[in-house]
């Protein structure tokens, strides 16, 4: 005797070897023996043979119209044999009964299983909904297959056009577009970005990286809403003419300097910082914009400013204008020692905006050593240079420039990149940096001495962090350091400027100590500033690779940093060279440039030869 039984969610046939009433010992078509429960036996039959039975039963099941079967089924729970009799119009033979059971079991939308061989027809509304869902899934599967085929042929499906940002930068793996793309990537052995580039979806590799950054940090775009700058109160006019020192591309001019000789023979040195807080009320629309952006974003050839242009123009320290400023005046004696200092809120006349590219050929270590002072503001710059060196020594820092680092200047014009170099720590750099450190440390101390909250940069055991509690910055050698010198470009500086002005005016500060808002600003700024800096480094790497392509560079000199990590000599590009033999650090080598990938921001290079060891 043979049986048709249910096991592991499916149906099988076997020959009975032993019948123990509650259990059976059976042998299947492959000769495998097993023990099954009698309750799992659906049918017993003598003919046909096991293999023929299953083949014929499955054919009967395939021929059954499931919709008609559902219509013929009772509303209540039923046993499969009774429905088979209703469907066939006669007592079904074992093959017909088995076919009906297979069809019932394989139609879960039409029939709900209630037990061994027992089912209940789905209610009409539930069946309609299930069928609609199944049809939708079928159509989506067909659509997904079409997408995969098109992508595999490097054709962009039209439906991808308005979803590219999501697909590229924040893929939702539940969508058929992303599923199709993943399948096509597996087939073509390409990354999503490279495959979409081949499909023509990425006309610009530059925009691929820029849009990725904007998608995450500027999801609403970089355009500003129309805003009106509040009129700031009338301020006393400073009796000095100030000048600024900035890069040629700087439009947010935050700082300027002035010099005035006093009757005593001492000098009064003025450090003047733009004062946008005088026109930006906490909680205002402009303040909300700055608090959201937290900082100006820099990249080669472009930037995304923290403040709208009309706000910047209202407060930038532009030449031939009178602008509001927060000023720190320090009086120094003949030995350039500070004997007195004070801070003021005032209007300031800006006489000139000096620019690095025109100033540096005139004001440099060589011209200073030769005593050449035949250019505009030369005496002032010479005195500020001497004062800067005094400040640097006062912080316990060495003036030895033998290990000067190189800064790289990226200029993009008409989609062509120029990468220049300048030594960090030049007289221009030192004058500006030392006077900014003086201002930031002085105003940090002012806040701390008056018990007013501020946001400080601190360093202890080499770790730099931001804090609302004043603490030394060991790297700079100062007891207090609160960023206050770039309020047009950094929101922390704008916040600190509000606190400083409140102290000078004797008014309650905008932010009290332990103010939750202040902690939120600190955290938000730290996150944004880190992300913006990483983006700037990424875009500088992109333009370095573009420069190699643009200049058709085939061989380049590089310096070994460690193991197989090298840095190209002419540009700030670092990479790993697998073919590099064991070579001491600082060895100059020659590399042959291979493939350059502007999407992954990588390049292949082959070691050619060692040139020399450099100090």
Protein backbone atom coordinates (compact mmCIF):
# COMPACT_ATOMS: atom_id res chain seq x y z
CA UNK A 1 0.00 0.00 0.00
CA UNK A 2 1.16 3.51 -0.83
CA UNK A 3 0.43 6.76 0.94
CA UNK A 4 0.29 10.47 0.03
CA UNK A 5 1.40 12.45 3.10
CA UNK A 6 2.37 15.92 4.27
CA UNK A 7 5.86 16.64 5.57
CA UNK A 8 7.89 19.84 6.03
CA UNK A 9 5.21 22.00 4.40
CA UNK A 10 4.98 19.87 1.25
CA UNK A 11 3.52 16.62 -0.03
CA UNK A 12 5.31 13.33 -0.61
CA UNK A 13 4.52 9.74 -1.51
CA UNK A 14 5.87 6.54 -0.06
CA UNK A 15 5.37 2.79 0.24
CA UNK A 16 4.25 1.45 3.63
CA UNK A 17 6.70 -1.01 5.12
CA UNK A 18 5.23 -1.17 8.61
CA UNK A 19 1.91 0.16 9.93
CA UNK A 20 2.00 0.78 13.67
CA UNK A 21 -1.41 2.47 13.79
CA UNK A 22 -0.18 5.84 15.09
CA UNK A 23 2.96 5.83 12.97
CA UNK A 24 4.18 4.33 9.73
CA UNK A 25 7.53 3.13 8.46
CA UNK A 26 7.68 4.17 4.78
CA UNK A 27 10.11 4.07 1.89
CA UNK A 28 10.14 6.93 -0.64
CA UNK A 29 10.85 6.82 -4.36
CA UNK A 30 14.60 7.11 -3.71
CA UNK A 31 14.67 4.16 -1.32
CA UNK A 32 15.03 6.32 1.77
CA UNK A 33 13.16 5.03 4.80
CA UNK A 34 11.54 7.24 7.39
CA UNK A 35 9.01 7.24 10.18
CA UNK A 36 5.92 9.44 9.84
CA UNK A 37 2.84 10.08 11.95
CA UNK A 38 -0.43 8.56 10.76
CA UNK A 39 -2.07 11.97 11.22
CA UNK A 40 0.07 13.29 8.37
CA UNK A 41 -1.30 10.74 5.88
CA UNK A 42 -3.72 12.41 3.48
CA UNK A 43 -4.49 9.46 1.14
CA UNK A 44 -3.80 5.76 0.74
CA UNK A 45 -3.62 4.21 -2.73
CA UNK A 46 -2.50 1.07 -4.50
CA UNK A 47 -2.15 2.34 -8.04
CA UNK A 48 -0.40 3.88 -9.89
CA UNK A 49 3.25 3.71 -8.80
CA UNK A 50 4.80 6.37 -6.61
CA UNK A 51 6.50 8.41 -9.37
CA UNK A 52 3.49 8.25 -11.69
CA UNK A 53 1.15 9.23 -8.89
CA UNK A 54 2.95 12.49 -8.09
CA UNK A 55 3.35 13.39 -11.76
CA UNK A 56 -0.33 12.83 -12.49
CA UNK A 57 -1.50 14.55 -9.28
CA UNK A 58 0.57 17.67 -10.05
CA UNK A 59 -0.87 17.73 -13.58
CA UNK A 60 -4.43 17.56 -12.17
CA UNK A 61 -3.55 20.41 -9.78
CA UNK A 62 -2.22 22.52 -12.64
CA UNK A 63 -5.46 22.01 -14.59
CA UNK A 64 -7.73 23.11 -11.74
CA UNK A 65 -9.17 26.61 -12.12
CA UNK A 66 -8.44 28.08 -8.69
CA UNK A 67 -11.05 30.83 -9.07
CA UNK A 68 -13.75 28.28 -9.86
CA UNK A 69 -12.48 26.11 -7.01
CA UNK A 70 -12.84 29.10 -4.66
CA UNK A 71 -16.37 29.81 -5.93
CA UNK A 72 -17.33 26.16 -5.42
CA UNK A 73 -16.01 26.09 -1.86
CA UNK A 74 -18.33 26.52 1.17
CA UNK A 75 -18.07 29.57 3.41
CA UNK A 76 -17.26 27.47 6.42
CA UNK A 77 -14.17 25.40 7.07
CA UNK A 78 -14.03 22.23 4.93
CA UNK A 79 -12.03 19.08 4.31
CA UNK A 80 -10.21 18.84 0.98
CA UNK A 81 -11.93 15.65 -0.09
CA UNK A 82 -15.40 17.16 0.13
CA UNK A 83 -14.39 20.14 -2.02
CA UNK A 84 -12.76 17.78 -4.53
CA UNK A 85 -16.05 15.90 -4.84
CA UNK A 86 -17.91 19.19 -5.37
CA UNK A 87 -15.41 20.34 -7.96
CA UNK A 88 -15.20 17.11 -9.99
CA UNK A 89 -18.87 16.24 -9.60
CA UNK A 90 -18.13 12.71 -8.44
CA UNK A 91 -16.22 10.89 -5.76
CA UNK A 92 -12.64 11.74 -6.65
CA UNK A 93 -10.08 9.06 -7.22
CA UNK A 94 -6.80 9.34 -5.24
CA UNK A 95 -5.08 11.25 -8.02
CA UNK A 96 -7.92 13.79 -8.31
CA UNK A 97 -8.11 14.17 -4.54
CA UNK A 98 -4.35 14.65 -4.29
CA UNK A 99 -4.45 17.18 -7.15
CA UNK A 100 -7.17 19.16 -5.38
CA UNK A 101 -5.16 19.15 -2.16
CA UNK A 102 -2.03 20.32 -3.93
CA UNK A 103 -4.00 23.14 -5.55
CA UNK A 104 -5.58 24.19 -2.26
CA UNK A 105 -2.24 24.15 -0.50
CA UNK A 106 -0.57 26.17 -3.24
CA UNK A 107 -3.21 28.92 -3.24
CA UNK A 108 -2.82 30.69 0.14
CA UNK A 109 -4.54 33.84 -1.11
CA UNK A 110 -7.70 31.89 -1.97
CA UNK A 111 -7.65 29.38 0.86
CA UNK A 112 -6.51 29.64 4.48
CA UNK A 113 -5.09 26.47 5.99
CA UNK A 114 -6.89 25.43 9.17
CA UNK A 115 -5.34 22.04 9.87
CA UNK A 116 -4.16 18.83 8.21
CA UNK A 117 -6.14 18.72 4.97
CA UNK A 118 -8.59 21.39 6.18
CA UNK A 119 -9.06 24.84 4.66
CA UNK A 120 -11.34 27.87 4.64
CA UNK A 121 -12.08 30.06 1.64
CA UNK A 122 -10.78 33.62 1.90
CA UNK A 123 -13.50 36.30 2.25
CA UNK A 124 -14.18 38.15 -1.05
CA UNK A 125 -12.73 41.49 0.10
CA UNK A 126 -9.59 39.86 1.48
CA UNK A 127 -9.13 37.86 -1.71
CA UNK A 128 -9.61 40.95 -3.85
CA UNK A 129 -7.00 42.84 -1.84
CA UNK A 130 -4.55 39.93 -1.92
CA UNK A 131 -4.90 39.47 -5.66
CA UNK A 132 -4.42 43.21 -6.23
CA UNK A 133 -1.28 43.10 -4.10
CA UNK A 134 0.02 40.08 -5.99
CA UNK A 135 -0.63 41.79 -9.29
CA UNK A 136 1.16 44.88 -8.09
CA UNK A 137 4.14 42.78 -7.03
CA UNK A 138 4.14 41.04 -10.40
CA UNK A 139 4.15 44.34 -12.26
CA UNK A 140 6.89 45.72 -10.00
CA UNK A 141 8.96 42.59 -10.59
CA UNK A 142 8.58 43.05 -14.33
CA UNK A 143 9.51 46.71 -14.00
CA UNK A 144 12.52 45.86 -11.86
CA UNK A 145 13.65 43.30 -14.42
CA UNK A 146 13.31 45.93 -17.15
CA UNK A 147 15.39 48.40 -15.11
CA UNK A 148 18.08 45.78 -14.53
CA UNK A 149 18.25 44.94 -18.22
CA UNK A 150 18.46 48.60 -19.24
CA UNK A 151 21.17 49.36 -16.69
CA UNK A 152 23.08 46.26 -17.75
CA UNK A 153 23.03 47.69 -21.28
CA UNK A 154 24.23 51.06 -19.89
CA UNK A 155 20.89 52.75 -20.53
CA UNK A 156 19.36 54.94 -17.84
CA UNK A 157 15.68 54.16 -17.21
CA UNK A 158 13.61 57.32 -17.59
CA UNK A 159 12.08 56.72 -14.15
CA UNK A 160 15.50 57.17 -12.51
CA UNK A 161 15.83 60.84 -13.47
CA UNK A 162 14.09 62.37 -10.44
CA UNK A 163 15.42 59.76 -8.00
CA UNK A 164 19.13 59.90 -8.73
CA UNK A 165 20.06 61.72 -5.53
CA UNK A 166 18.38 59.08 -3.38
CA UNK A 167 19.78 56.23 -5.46
CA UNK A 168 23.33 57.59 -5.31
CA UNK A 169 23.62 59.14 -1.88
CA UNK A 170 21.02 57.49 0.36
CA UNK A 171 19.85 54.32 -1.40
CA UNK A 172 16.63 52.80 -0.09
CA UNK A 173 17.09 49.07 -0.63
CA UNK A 174 13.33 48.55 -0.43
CA UNK A 175 12.80 50.36 -3.75
CA UNK A 176 12.86 48.54 -7.07
CA UNK A 177 15.24 51.15 -8.49
CA UNK A 178 17.93 50.32 -5.94
CA UNK A 179 17.28 46.58 -6.20
CA UNK A 180 17.61 46.78 -9.98
CA UNK A 181 20.80 48.84 -9.70
CA UNK A 182 22.34 46.38 -7.25
CA UNK A 183 21.52 43.50 -9.58
CA UNK A 184 23.02 45.37 -12.55
CA UNK A 185 26.13 46.23 -10.52
CA UNK A 186 26.58 42.55 -9.64
CA UNK A 187 26.22 41.64 -13.30
CA UNK A 188 28.59 44.32 -14.65
CA UNK A 189 31.03 44.24 -11.69
CA UNK A 190 30.80 48.04 -11.43
CA UNK A 191 29.99 50.26 -8.48
CA UNK A 192 26.71 52.15 -8.52
CA UNK A 193 28.42 55.46 -9.33
CA UNK A 194 30.52 53.98 -12.14
CA UNK A 195 27.55 52.17 -13.66
CA UNK A 196 25.38 55.28 -13.57
CA UNK A 197 28.22 57.28 -15.09
CA UNK A 198 28.30 54.82 -18.00
CA UNK A 199 24.55 55.33 -18.32
CA UNK A 200 25.08 59.08 -18.72
CA UNK A 201 23.54 59.94 -15.37
CA UNK A 202 26.70 61.70 -14.09
CA UNK A 203 27.80 64.25 -16.65
CA UNK A 204 30.12 65.86 -14.10
CA UNK A 205 32.35 64.00 -11.65
CA UNK A 206 32.81 67.28 -9.78
CA UNK A 207 29.08 67.67 -9.30
CA UNK A 208 28.83 64.06 -8.13
CA UNK A 209 30.96 64.91 -5.08
CA UNK A 210 29.48 68.37 -4.56
CA UNK A 211 25.89 67.12 -4.77
CA UNK A 212 26.65 64.29 -2.36
CA UNK A 213 27.76 66.87 0.20
CA UNK A 214 24.80 69.15 -0.48
CA UNK A 215 22.36 66.23 -0.28
CA UNK A 216 23.46 65.54 3.28
CA UNK A 217 24.20 68.99 4.68
CA UNK A 218 22.12 71.33 2.50
CA UNK A 219 19.03 69.27 1.57
CA UNK A 220 17.01 72.45 0.94
CA UNK A 221 19.67 73.98 -1.30
CA UNK A 222 22.25 76.69 -0.71
CA UNK A 223 20.21 79.72 -1.75
CA UNK A 224 19.27 82.18 0.97
CA UNK A 225 15.80 83.56 1.60
CA UNK A 226 15.41 87.31 1.26
CA UNK A 227 16.39 88.92 4.57
CA UNK A 228 16.64 92.46 5.84
CA UNK A 229 19.52 93.57 8.04
CA UNK A 230 18.51 95.46 11.17
CA UNK A 231 19.92 98.95 11.59
CA UNK A 232 22.63 98.93 14.22
CA UNK A 233 22.83 101.73 16.79
CA UNK A 234 24.99 104.78 16.18
CA UNK A 235 28.51 104.18 17.45
CA UNK A 236 31.47 106.47 18.10
CA UNK A 237 33.89 106.81 15.19
CA UNK A 238 37.39 105.47 15.82
CA UNK A 239 40.17 107.97 15.28
CA UNK A 240 42.28 105.55 13.22
CA UNK A 241 42.39 104.30 9.67
CA UNK A 242 42.57 100.52 9.52
CA UNK A 243 43.76 98.06 6.88
CA UNK A 244 43.10 94.36 6.39
CA UNK A 245 45.28 91.52 5.10
CA UNK A 246 43.49 88.74 3.26
CA UNK A 247 43.66 86.30 0.41
CA UNK A 248 42.56 87.73 -2.95
CA UNK A 249 39.35 85.67 -2.93
CA UNK A 250 38.21 86.73 0.54
CA UNK A 251 34.90 88.60 0.60
CA UNK A 252 34.00 88.05 4.26
CA UNK A 253 36.68 90.36 5.67
CA UNK A 254 36.50 89.81 9.42
CA UNK A 255 39.62 91.52 10.71
CA UNK A 256 41.70 94.65 10.24
CA UNK A 257 44.56 96.42 12.02
CA UNK A 258 45.61 99.91 12.90
CA UNK A 259 48.59 101.70 14.44
CA UNK A 260 48.69 104.98 16.32
CA UNK A 261 51.67 106.56 18.07
CA UNK A 262 50.81 108.11 21.40
CA UNK A 263 52.25 111.28 22.93
CA UNK A 264 54.24 109.13 25.33
CA UNK A 265 56.06 107.52 22.42
CA UNK A 266 54.23 104.25 22.92
CA UNK A 267 52.21 102.65 20.15
CA UNK A 268 48.55 101.73 20.27
CA UNK A 269 47.91 98.67 18.12
CA UNK A 270 44.32 98.09 17.10
CA UNK A 271 42.87 94.69 16.26
CA UNK A 272 39.46 95.26 14.72
CA UNK A 273 36.86 92.56 14.14
CA UNK A 274 33.69 92.96 12.08
CA UNK A 275 30.63 93.18 14.35
CA UNK A 276 27.67 91.48 12.64
CA UNK A 277 26.09 90.76 16.02
CA UNK A 278 25.08 94.43 16.17
CA UNK A 279 22.59 93.73 13.39
CA UNK A 280 21.74 90.07 14.02
CA UNK A 281 19.37 89.53 16.92
CA UNK A 282 19.44 86.12 18.63
CA UNK A 283 16.55 84.04 17.35
CA UNK A 284 16.04 86.22 14.26
CA UNK A 285 15.75 84.81 10.75
CA UNK A 286 19.36 85.71 9.93
CA UNK A 287 20.55 84.18 13.18
CA UNK A 288 18.60 81.02 12.34
CA UNK A 289 20.33 80.80 8.96
CA UNK A 290 23.77 81.17 10.55
CA UNK A 291 22.92 78.70 13.32
CA UNK A 292 21.83 76.15 10.74
CA UNK A 293 24.93 76.50 8.56
CA UNK A 294 27.38 77.04 11.44
CA UNK A 295 30.26 78.02 9.15
CA UNK A 296 31.26 79.03 5.67
CA UNK A 297 32.09 75.97 3.56
CA UNK A 298 35.29 76.19 1.52
CA UNK A 299 36.30 74.23 -1.56
CA UNK A 300 38.71 74.93 -4.43
CA UNK A 301 37.18 77.53 -6.71
CA UNK A 302 34.04 78.14 -4.64
CA UNK A 303 32.52 78.53 -1.20
CA UNK A 304 29.14 78.42 0.51
CA UNK A 305 28.90 81.37 2.86
CA UNK A 306 27.39 81.17 6.32
CA UNK A 307 25.54 84.46 5.91
CA UNK A 308 23.55 85.95 3.00
CA UNK A 309 25.52 88.30 0.77
CA UNK A 310 23.61 91.43 1.81
CA UNK A 311 24.41 90.65 5.46
CA UNK A 312 28.08 90.09 4.65
CA UNK A 313 28.22 93.35 2.68
CA UNK A 314 26.66 95.22 5.61
CA UNK A 315 29.45 94.19 7.99
CA UNK A 316 32.52 93.15 5.99
CA UNK A 317 35.50 95.43 6.57
CA UNK A 318 35.67 96.58 2.98
CA UNK A 319 38.00 99.40 1.92
CA UNK A 320 36.75 103.00 1.70
CA UNK A 321 33.91 102.32 4.11
CA UNK A 322 33.01 102.94 7.70
CA UNK A 323 31.89 99.71 9.34
CA UNK A 324 30.88 98.66 12.86
CA UNK A 325 33.66 96.84 14.66
CA UNK A 326 34.62 95.26 17.94
CA UNK A 327 38.13 96.52 18.61
CA UNK A 328 40.91 95.45 20.93
CA UNK A 329 43.51 98.15 21.52
CA UNK A 330 46.82 97.23 23.13
CA UNK A 331 49.38 99.85 24.13
CA UNK A 332 52.99 98.73 23.76
CA UNK A 333 56.20 100.44 24.88
CA UNK A 334 59.47 100.72 23.00
CA UNK A 335 60.28 97.11 23.84
CA UNK A 336 56.91 96.15 22.35
CA UNK A 337 55.68 94.98 25.73
CA UNK A 338 51.94 95.34 26.38
CA UNK A 339 51.38 97.93 29.11
CA UNK A 340 47.65 98.46 28.70
CA UNK A 341 44.65 97.17 26.74
CA UNK A 342 40.99 97.97 26.27
CA UNK A 343 38.08 96.86 24.09
CA UNK A 344 35.61 99.13 22.32
CA UNK A 345 32.50 98.92 20.18
CA UNK A 346 32.83 101.54 17.46
CA UNK A 347 32.62 102.58 13.86
CA UNK A 348 35.83 102.11 11.93
CA UNK A 349 37.14 103.57 8.68
CA UNK A 350 38.81 100.93 6.52
CA UNK A 351 41.50 102.58 4.43
CA UNK A 352 42.74 99.56 2.47
CA UNK A 353 42.32 95.85 1.87
CA UNK A 354 45.80 94.42 1.35
CA UNK A 355 45.91 91.13 -0.55
CA UNK A 356 48.40 88.28 -0.19
CA UNK A 357 49.26 88.02 -3.88
CA UNK A 358 50.38 91.65 -4.16
CA UNK A 359 51.69 92.11 -0.62
CA UNK A 360 53.80 88.98 -0.19
CA UNK A 361 56.38 89.87 -2.90
CA UNK A 362 56.98 93.10 -0.96
CA UNK A 363 56.52 92.07 2.66
CA UNK A 364 58.58 88.96 3.29
CA UNK A 365 61.55 87.76 5.29
CA UNK A 366 64.03 88.82 2.60
CA UNK A 367 62.69 92.36 2.30
CA UNK A 368 62.53 92.70 6.08
CA UNK A 369 66.12 91.52 6.44
CA UNK A 370 67.20 94.00 3.75
CA UNK A 371 65.28 96.84 5.40
CA UNK A 372 63.17 97.51 2.29
CA UNK A 373 60.20 99.59 3.40
CA UNK A 374 59.27 101.29 0.12
CA UNK A 375 55.65 100.14 -0.20
CA UNK A 376 52.29 101.09 1.23
CA UNK A 377 51.89 100.37 4.95
CA UNK A 378 55.50 99.18 5.16
CA UNK A 379 56.28 100.94 8.52
CA UNK A 380 53.06 99.63 10.04
CA UNK A 381 53.70 96.11 8.82
CA UNK A 382 57.28 96.19 10.07
CA UNK A 383 56.15 97.19 13.54
CA UNK A 384 53.40 94.56 13.54
CA UNK A 385 55.96 91.97 12.43
CA UNK A 386 58.25 92.85 15.33
CA UNK A 387 55.28 92.77 17.70
CA UNK A 388 54.13 89.41 16.32
CA UNK A 389 57.55 87.92 17.02
CA UNK A 390 57.38 89.31 20.55
CA UNK A 391 53.96 87.72 21.03
CA UNK A 392 55.16 84.41 19.65
CA UNK A 393 58.13 84.35 22.03
CA UNK A 394 55.83 85.31 24.89
CA UNK A 395 53.75 82.21 24.21
CA UNK A 396 56.89 80.10 24.54
CA UNK A 397 57.03 79.32 20.82
CA UNK A 398 60.16 79.13 18.71
CA UNK A 399 60.59 81.49 15.77
CA UNK A 400 62.67 78.86 13.92
CA UNK A 401 61.19 78.46 10.44
CA UNK A 402 63.56 75.75 9.24
CA UNK A 403 60.72 73.22 9.17
CA UNK A 404 58.11 75.41 7.55
CA UNK A 405 55.11 73.60 6.15
CA UNK A 406 53.77 74.25 2.69
CA UNK A 407 50.27 75.55 2.06
CA UNK A 408 48.71 74.79 -1.31
CA UNK A 409 46.64 77.36 -3.13
CA UNK A 410 43.93 76.02 -5.45
CA UNK A 411 42.60 78.28 -8.18
CA UNK A 412 39.87 77.08 -10.53
CA UNK A 413 39.06 79.09 -13.63
CA UNK A 414 37.06 77.86 -16.61
CA UNK A 415 37.21 74.34 -15.17
CA UNK A 416 41.02 74.39 -15.16
CA UNK A 417 42.96 73.99 -11.95
CA UNK A 418 46.13 75.74 -10.88
CA UNK A 419 47.83 74.54 -7.71
CA UNK A 420 50.36 76.92 -6.19
CA UNK A 421 52.53 76.71 -3.10
CA UNK A 422 53.42 79.10 -0.33
CA UNK A 423 55.38 78.53 2.84
CA UNK A 424 53.31 78.66 5.99
CA UNK A 425 54.67 80.98 8.64
CA UNK A 426 55.57 83.85 6.32
CA UNK A 427 55.58 87.36 7.84
CA UNK A 428 52.02 87.89 6.57
CA UNK A 429 50.85 84.67 8.21
CA UNK A 430 52.64 85.40 11.45
CA UNK A 431 51.32 88.94 11.78
CA UNK A 432 47.72 87.87 11.22
CA UNK A 433 47.85 84.69 13.29
CA UNK A 434 49.61 86.25 16.29
CA UNK A 435 47.24 89.22 16.42
CA UNK A 436 44.24 86.88 16.13
CA UNK A 437 45.60 84.70 18.94
CA UNK A 438 46.02 87.84 21.03
CA UNK A 439 42.43 88.93 20.39
CA UNK A 440 40.94 85.49 20.97
CA UNK A 441 42.91 84.90 24.16
CA UNK A 442 42.24 88.43 25.50
CA UNK A 443 38.50 88.22 24.91
CA UNK A 444 38.39 84.67 26.25
CA UNK A 445 39.96 85.98 29.47
CA UNK A 446 37.50 88.90 29.49
CA UNK A 447 34.54 86.50 29.44
CA UNK A 448 36.06 84.24 32.10
CA UNK A 449 37.00 87.13 34.40
CA UNK A 450 33.44 88.47 34.25
CA UNK A 451 31.80 85.09 34.76
CA UNK A 452 30.12 85.21 31.36
CA UNK A 453 29.69 82.00 29.38
CA UNK A 454 31.65 81.46 26.20
CA UNK A 455 32.78 78.72 23.85
CA UNK A 456 36.48 77.95 24.17
CA UNK A 457 39.06 75.97 22.22
CA UNK A 458 41.19 74.05 24.69
CA UNK A 459 44.08 71.64 24.38
CA UNK A 460 45.33 69.23 27.02
CA UNK A 461 47.83 66.43 26.37
CA UNK A 462 47.60 67.04 22.64
CA UNK A 463 43.80 66.70 22.47
CA UNK A 464 41.98 69.76 21.12
CA UNK A 465 38.30 70.15 21.97
CA UNK A 466 35.62 72.79 22.35
CA UNK A 467 34.21 73.57 25.76
CA UNK A 468 32.00 76.07 27.57
CA UNK A 469 34.53 76.05 30.42
CA UNK A 470 37.69 78.12 30.10
CA UNK A 471 40.90 76.08 30.11
CA UNK A 472 44.41 76.50 28.70
CA UNK A 473 45.28 75.78 25.09
CA UNK A 474 48.66 74.14 25.56
CA UNK A 475 49.49 74.05 21.87
CA UNK A 476 49.15 77.83 21.59
CA UNK A 477 50.57 78.54 25.02
CA UNK A 478 47.65 80.66 26.22
CA UNK A 479 45.45 80.40 29.30
CA UNK A 480 42.22 81.25 27.43
CA UNK A 481 41.28 80.86 23.78
CA UNK A 482 37.79 81.69 22.56
CA UNK A 483 37.27 81.96 18.81
CA UNK A 484 36.00 85.50 18.28
CA UNK A 485 37.86 86.78 15.23
CA UNK A 486 35.73 85.40 12.36
CA UNK A 487 32.08 86.18 13.15
CA UNK A 488 31.17 86.49 9.45
CA UNK A 489 32.41 82.95 8.80
CA UNK A 490 31.97 80.93 12.01
CA UNK A 491 28.88 80.85 14.18
CA UNK A 492 30.87 80.17 17.36
CA UNK A 493 32.73 83.45 16.83
CA UNK A 494 29.42 85.27 16.36
CA UNK A 495 28.08 83.74 19.59
CA UNK A 496 31.22 84.70 21.52
CA UNK A 497 31.06 88.22 20.10
CA UNK A 498 27.54 88.61 21.52
CA UNK A 499 28.86 87.64 24.94
CA UNK A 500 31.83 90.00 24.70
CA UNK A 501 29.63 92.94 23.68
CA UNK A 502 27.28 92.23 26.59
CA UNK A 503 30.24 92.52 28.98
CA UNK A 504 31.41 95.80 27.39
CA UNK A 505 27.90 97.26 27.58
CA UNK A 506 27.20 95.95 31.06
CA UNK A 507 24.12 94.12 29.82
CA UNK A 508 22.85 90.59 30.60
CA UNK A 509 24.53 88.10 28.25
CA UNK A 510 22.58 86.44 25.48
CA UNK A 511 23.55 83.02 26.88
CA UNK A 512 23.72 82.21 30.56
CA UNK A 513 26.12 79.69 32.02
CA UNK A 514 24.92 76.10 31.56
CA UNK A 515 22.48 77.35 28.92
CA UNK A 516 21.28 74.31 26.95
CA UNK A 517 21.29 76.46 23.80
CA UNK A 518 25.00 77.09 24.21
CA UNK A 519 25.75 73.38 24.53
CA UNK A 520 23.64 72.66 21.43
CA UNK A 521 25.54 75.33 19.48
CA UNK A 522 28.87 73.85 20.55
CA UNK A 523 27.86 70.34 19.54
CA UNK A 524 26.28 71.42 16.25
CA UNK A 525 29.26 73.55 15.31
CA UNK A 526 31.78 70.83 16.09
CA UNK A 527 29.90 68.34 13.92
CA UNK A 528 29.41 70.74 11.02
CA UNK A 529 32.93 72.16 11.12
CA UNK A 530 34.45 68.67 11.04
CA UNK A 531 32.24 67.63 8.12
CA UNK A 532 33.00 70.81 6.17
CA UNK A 533 36.75 70.35 6.67
CA UNK A 534 36.51 66.75 5.45
CA UNK A 535 34.59 67.89 2.38
CA UNK A 536 37.23 70.53 1.64
CA UNK A 537 39.98 67.88 1.84
CA UNK A 538 37.96 65.59 -0.42
CA UNK A 539 37.51 68.30 -3.04
CA UNK A 540 41.19 69.22 -2.88
CA UNK A 541 41.99 65.57 -3.56
CA UNK A 542 39.56 65.63 -6.49
CA UNK A 543 41.28 68.67 -8.03
CA UNK A 544 44.70 67.12 -7.48
CA UNK A 545 43.60 64.16 -9.58
CA UNK A 546 42.11 66.53 -12.15
CA UNK A 547 45.45 68.33 -12.28
CA UNK A 548 47.28 65.09 -13.10
CA UNK A 549 44.87 64.49 -15.98
CA UNK A 550 44.88 68.10 -17.10
CA UNK A 551 48.66 68.31 -17.24
CA UNK A 552 48.92 64.81 -18.72
CA UNK A 553 51.38 63.80 -16.01
CA UNK A 554 52.95 60.40 -16.62
CA UNK A 555 55.75 60.40 -14.07
CA UNK A 556 55.91 62.31 -10.78
CA UNK A 557 58.32 62.70 -7.89
CA UNK A 558 56.96 61.62 -4.51
CA UNK A 559 58.18 61.37 -0.94
CA UNK A 560 57.77 58.20 1.09
CA UNK A 561 55.83 58.86 4.29
CA UNK A 562 55.79 55.33 5.72
CA UNK A 563 55.61 51.78 4.38
CA UNK A 564 53.91 52.09 0.96
CA UNK A 565 52.29 55.48 1.64
CA UNK A 566 53.65 58.39 -0.40
CA UNK A 567 52.92 62.05 -1.02
CA UNK A 568 53.43 63.65 -4.40
CA UNK A 569 55.97 66.46 -4.27
CA UNK A 570 54.18 69.13 -6.29
CA UNK A 571 50.62 68.70 -5.02
CA UNK A 572 49.00 67.61 -1.73
CA UNK A 573 48.04 64.14 -2.96
CA UNK A 574 48.70 61.08 -0.82
CA UNK A 575 48.26 57.46 -1.90
CA UNK A 576 49.41 53.90 -1.37
CA UNK A 577 51.74 52.31 -3.90
CA UNK A 578 51.61 48.50 -3.64
CA UNK A 579 54.69 48.08 -5.85
CA UNK A 580 56.87 50.28 -3.63
CA UNK A 581 59.76 48.21 -2.20
CA UNK A 582 60.76 48.60 1.42
CA UNK A 583 62.00 52.18 1.46
CA UNK A 584 62.99 54.46 4.38
CA UNK A 585 60.67 57.39 5.12
CA UNK A 586 61.54 60.72 3.46
CA UNK A 587 63.08 58.97 0.45
CA UNK A 588 62.32 60.74 -2.82
CA UNK A 589 61.03 58.29 -5.44
CA UNK A 590 59.71 58.45 -8.99
CA UNK A 591 56.26 57.05 -9.76
CA UNK A 592 54.54 56.24 -13.02
CA UNK A 593 50.90 57.35 -12.94
CA UNK A 594 48.33 54.80 -14.10
CA UNK A 595 44.53 54.90 -13.99
CA UNK A 596 42.84 57.80 -12.23
CA UNK A 597 39.36 57.36 -10.77
CA UNK A 598 37.57 60.68 -10.23
CA UNK A 599 34.58 59.01 -8.61
CA UNK A 600 36.41 56.91 -6.03
CA UNK A 601 39.12 59.62 -5.77
CA UNK A 602 41.88 57.07 -6.20
CA UNK A 603 44.81 56.64 -8.53
CA UNK A 604 47.07 53.80 -9.55
CA UNK A 605 50.79 54.34 -9.69
CA UNK A 606 53.84 52.15 -10.19
CA UNK A 607 57.17 52.55 -8.47
CA UNK A 608 59.91 53.41 -10.96
CA UNK A 609 63.00 54.29 -8.98
CA UNK A 610 64.39 55.84 -5.82
CA UNK A 611 65.92 59.25 -6.43
CA UNK A 612 67.34 60.48 -3.15
CA UNK A 613 66.79 60.73 0.57
CA UNK A 614 65.60 64.14 1.71
CA UNK A 615 65.90 65.74 5.11
